Protein backbone atom coordinates (compact mmCIF):
# COMPACT_ATOMS: atom_id res chain seq x y z
CA UNK A 1 0.68 -0.04 0.01
CA UNK A 2 1.53 3.52 -1.26
CA UNK A 3 1.73 6.32 0.71
CA UNK A 4 0.37 10.05 -0.22
CA UNK A 5 1.49 12.83 2.05
CA UNK A 6 -1.92 15.25 1.20
CA UNK A 7 -1.18 19.03 2.50
CA UNK A 8 -5.17 20.91 2.99
CA UNK A 9 -6.48 23.43 0.89
CA UNK A 10 -8.48 25.83 1.47
CA UNK A 11 -8.18 27.68 -2.36
CA UNK A 12 -10.14 27.27 -5.14
CA UNK A 13 -11.31 27.48 -8.49
CA UNK A 14 -9.19 26.76 -11.67
CA UNK A 15 -6.63 29.60 -11.87
CA UNK A 16 -5.86 27.73 -8.65
CA UNK A 17 -5.24 24.02 -9.55
CA UNK A 18 -3.84 25.93 -13.10
CA UNK A 19 -1.18 28.02 -10.28
CA UNK A 20 -0.63 23.84 -8.25
CA UNK A 21 0.09 22.11 -11.22
CA UNK A 22 2.95 24.40 -12.00
CA UNK A 23 4.31 23.40 -8.52
CA UNK A 24 3.67 19.21 -9.55
CA UNK A 25 0.64 19.70 -7.04
CA UNK A 26 -2.88 17.93 -8.21
CA UNK A 27 -6.70 18.89 -6.57
CA UNK A 28 -8.00 15.93 -4.48
CA UNK A 29 -11.06 15.46 -2.24
CA UNK A 30 -11.28 12.94 0.99
CA UNK A 31 -14.68 11.92 2.10
CA UNK A 32 -16.34 9.52 3.61
CA UNK A 33 -17.78 7.69 6.78
CA UNK A 34 -20.02 10.57 7.69
CA UNK A 35 -16.80 12.85 8.10
CA UNK A 36 -16.76 16.09 6.49
CA UNK A 37 -14.91 16.69 3.12
CA UNK A 38 -11.26 17.93 3.10
CA UNK A 39 -10.13 19.24 -0.39
CA UNK A 40 -6.56 18.60 -0.55
CA UNK A 41 -3.69 18.57 -2.45
CA UNK A 42 -1.17 15.97 -3.90
CA UNK A 43 2.81 15.24 -5.61
CA UNK A 44 1.89 14.20 -9.04
CA UNK A 45 4.50 12.19 -8.98
CA UNK A 46 3.30 10.14 -6.23
CA UNK A 47 -0.88 9.52 -7.87
CA UNK A 48 0.92 9.09 -11.10
CA UNK A 49 3.12 6.32 -9.69
CA UNK A 50 0.36 4.98 -7.67
CA UNK A 51 -1.58 5.05 -10.06
CA UNK A 52 0.81 3.19 -13.22
CA UNK A 53 2.03 0.37 -10.29
CA UNK A 54 -2.14 -0.30 -10.14
CA UNK A 55 -2.66 0.98 -6.36
CA UNK A 56 -6.39 1.27 -4.86
CA UNK A 57 -5.72 1.26 -1.35
CA UNK A 58 -3.41 4.52 0.09
CA UNK A 59 -2.81 5.55 2.89
CA UNK A 60 -3.00 9.64 3.45
CA UNK A 61 -0.96 11.72 5.41
CA UNK A 62 -2.46 14.86 6.39
CA UNK A 63 -1.57 17.05 8.83
CA UNK A 64 0.73 14.68 10.78
CA UNK A 65 -2.65 11.80 10.77
CA UNK A 66 -2.33 9.23 8.92
CA UNK A 67 -6.31 7.45 7.12
CA UNK A 68 -6.29 4.56 4.97
CA UNK A 69 -8.41 6.41 1.39
CA UNK A 70 -9.44 4.35 -1.77
CA UNK A 71 -9.32 5.62 -5.01
CA UNK A 72 -12.95 6.05 -6.10
CA UNK A 73 -12.10 7.88 -8.82
CA UNK A 74 -10.07 9.82 -10.95
CA UNK A 75 -10.35 12.50 -14.01
CA UNK A 76 -8.48 13.17 -16.73
CA UNK A 77 -7.33 15.42 -19.14
CA UNK A 78 -8.54 15.37 -22.76
CA UNK A 79 -5.46 13.22 -24.28
CA UNK A 80 -5.43 10.57 -20.78
CA UNK A 81 -2.18 11.47 -20.36
CA UNK A 82 -2.18 14.24 -16.90
CA UNK A 83 -4.02 13.51 -13.40
CA UNK A 84 -6.33 16.63 -12.98
CA UNK A 85 -7.95 15.19 -10.04
CA UNK A 86 -9.21 12.49 -7.70
CA UNK A 87 -11.92 11.06 -5.13
CA UNK A 88 -10.84 9.22 -2.84
CA UNK A 89 -12.60 7.46 -0.17
CA UNK A 90 -12.68 6.55 3.92
CA UNK A 91 -12.03 3.04 4.44
CA UNK A 92 -11.38 0.49 7.00
CA UNK A 93 -9.07 -2.10 5.86
CA UNK A 94 -11.49 -4.55 7.50
CA UNK A 95 -14.52 -3.53 5.51
CA UNK A 96 -15.54 -4.61 2.25
CA UNK A 97 -15.92 -3.23 -0.68
CA UNK A 98 -16.49 -2.72 -4.54
CA UNK A 99 -14.50 -2.75 -7.69
CA UNK A 100 -12.92 -2.41 -11.05
CA UNK A 101 -10.03 -5.46 -11.14
CA UNK A 102 -8.15 -6.27 -14.69
CA UNK A 103 -8.41 -9.09 -15.91
CA UNK A 104 -4.83 -10.09 -17.71
CA UNK A 105 -4.91 -13.40 -20.44
CA UNK A 106 -1.25 -15.50 -20.24
CA UNK A 107 -0.85 -17.73 -22.20
CA UNK A 108 -1.43 -19.14 -25.82
CA UNK A 109 -4.63 -21.36 -26.44
CA UNK A 110 -3.53 -25.13 -27.97
CA UNK A 111 -6.36 -23.72 -30.72
CA UNK A 112 -4.16 -21.02 -32.72
CA UNK A 113 -2.17 -23.92 -34.05
CA UNK A 114 -5.45 -24.17 -35.87
CA UNK A 115 -5.70 -20.19 -36.66
CA UNK A 116 -7.61 -19.85 -34.25
CA UNK A 117 -7.78 -16.07 -32.30
CA UNK A 118 -8.52 -15.30 -28.99
CA UNK A 119 -10.57 -12.16 -28.18
CA UNK A 120 -11.30 -10.75 -24.99
CA UNK A 121 -14.34 -8.96 -24.51
CA UNK A 122 -14.35 -8.23 -21.36
CA UNK A 123 -11.14 -6.72 -19.44
CA UNK A 124 -12.43 -5.86 -16.60
CA UNK A 125 -14.26 -7.05 -13.64
CA UNK A 126 -16.09 -5.26 -10.36
CA UNK A 127 -15.60 -7.69 -7.26
CA UNK A 128 -16.30 -7.21 -3.41
CA UNK A 129 -14.06 -8.19 -1.23
CA UNK A 130 -12.24 -6.72 1.80
CA UNK A 131 -10.11 -3.64 1.29
CA UNK A 132 -6.92 -4.55 2.40
CA UNK A 133 -7.25 -7.85 0.08
CA UNK A 134 -8.32 -5.79 -3.24
CA UNK A 135 -6.14 -7.85 -6.49
CA UNK A 136 -4.83 -5.42 -8.24
CA UNK A 137 -5.18 -7.80 -11.38
CA UNK A 138 -6.40 -10.91 -11.65
CA UNK A 139 -4.57 -13.67 -14.07
CA UNK A 140 -6.48 -16.51 -16.45
CA UNK A 141 -4.49 -19.65 -18.57
CA UNK A 142 -5.93 -19.85 -21.13
CA UNK A 143 -2.41 -22.28 -22.64
CA UNK A 144 -5.28 -24.93 -22.87
CA UNK A 145 -8.42 -23.30 -24.67
CA UNK A 146 -9.60 -25.22 -28.92
CA UNK A 147 -10.88 -23.53 -31.26
CA UNK A 148 -15.07 -22.30 -30.57
CA UNK A 149 -14.36 -22.18 -27.00
CA UNK A 150 -15.23 -19.78 -24.62
CA UNK A 151 -13.61 -18.41 -21.04
CA UNK A 152 -16.51 -17.68 -18.83
CA UNK A 153 -17.17 -14.70 -16.18
CA UNK A 154 -17.25 -17.15 -13.64
CA UNK A 155 -14.63 -18.64 -14.96
CA UNK A 156 -12.13 -15.98 -13.31
CA UNK A 157 -10.48 -17.86 -10.48
CA UNK A 158 -10.88 -15.28 -7.41
CA UNK A 159 -9.11 -15.75 -3.57
CA UNK A 160 -11.01 -16.64 -0.88
CA UNK A 161 -13.98 -13.80 0.05
CA UNK A 162 -13.52 -12.73 -3.35
CA UNK A 163 -17.03 -11.77 -4.67
CA UNK A 164 -17.88 -11.28 -8.23
CA UNK A 165 -20.85 -8.61 -8.96
CA UNK A 166 -20.92 -8.70 -12.64
CA UNK A 167 -23.31 -11.13 -14.64
CA UNK A 168 -21.39 -14.90 -14.59
CA UNK A 169 -22.88 -16.46 -18.10
CA UNK A 170 -21.28 -13.01 -19.93
CA UNK A 171 -18.79 -13.84 -22.03
CA UNK A 172 -14.29 -13.17 -20.98
CA UNK A 173 -12.72 -13.80 -24.26
CA UNK A 174 -13.26 -16.29 -27.27
CA UNK A 175 -11.08 -18.51 -29.53
CA UNK A 176 -12.64 -18.53 -33.05
CA UNK A 177 -11.64 -19.46 -36.33
CA UNK A 178 -12.34 -15.19 -38.52
CA UNK A 179 -10.77 -16.61 -40.99
CA UNK A 180 -13.28 -17.68 -42.96
CA UNK A 181 -15.32 -14.65 -42.09
CA UNK A 182 -13.23 -12.91 -43.81
CA UNK A 183 -13.03 -14.72 -47.52
CA UNK A 184 -17.06 -14.03 -47.34
CA UNK A 185 -16.37 -11.09 -46.80
CA UNK A 186 -14.62 -10.61 -49.86
CA UNK A 187 -16.49 -13.13 -51.97
CA UNK A 188 -19.89 -9.66 -51.04
CA UNK A 189 -16.92 -7.26 -52.09
CA UNK A 190 -15.98 -9.18 -55.67
CA UNK A 191 -20.08 -10.31 -55.90
CA UNK A 192 -21.09 -6.67 -55.28
CA UNK A 193 -18.04 -4.88 -58.23
CA UNK A 194 -19.46 -7.36 -61.05
CA UNK A 195 -22.20 -5.07 -62.14
CA UNK A 196 -20.25 -1.88 -62.71
CA UNK A 197 -17.90 -4.25 -64.82
CA UNK A 198 -20.25 -6.22 -66.66
CA UNK A 199 -21.44 -2.68 -67.32
CA UNK A 200 -18.52 -1.34 -68.76
CA UNK A 201 -18.72 -4.49 -70.89
CA UNK A 202 -21.94 -3.50 -72.51
CA UNK A 203 -21.17 0.59 -73.04
CA UNK A 204 -17.94 -1.04 -75.12
CA UNK A 205 -20.02 -3.52 -76.77
CA UNK A 206 -22.07 -0.70 -78.03
CA UNK A 207 -19.29 1.42 -79.46
CA UNK A 208 -18.63 -0.99 -81.56
CA UNK A 209 -22.10 -0.85 -82.87
CA UNK A 210 -22.17 2.50 -83.00
CA UNK A 211 -19.05 2.21 -85.59
CA UNK A 212 -19.50 -0.63 -87.86
CA UNK A 213 -23.04 1.25 -88.03
CA UNK A 214 -21.06 3.93 -89.07
């Protein structure tokens, strides 16, 4: 769990935000647990580093007092590169929270040798677990998948105490052959092009008849 140092923020508004960013700081708010919401500033570098490492649970030190918070929302700039604002929700380590966790597929499916292509339909799932047991990511092996196989959310391995909140019957990934579909699309394209070729031949034929008539 990463630890960040926060400072109370009194001045609000877009002008103040620009001033903070010039100093390498970003605005944030800490709320929840029936306590007063507090506007703070955090180090932009520390926040971005925590996000890159997939941190969800943070320990924030504010005015000499530490509390555990959960990253609830992150606002990015238009290009999705710079963090503009962070919402932090107070939590106890033993309380259950709802979070979104990334699902990572590992391995090479056996069916790839037969022309199969792995397509992942879902990259993130929603789960409920203890705040202290939030997984950074969930890995699932796909080595045994054959052409035509589908893995569902119910197949995602979850640790004890982690509960899936999404539809268990939703597809996670599928191994299918797409070459036949591409060939069918190509044939349809050729079929649509044929009338134009016939039309041009007809025009050429008409030109020959006109020359012979002349």
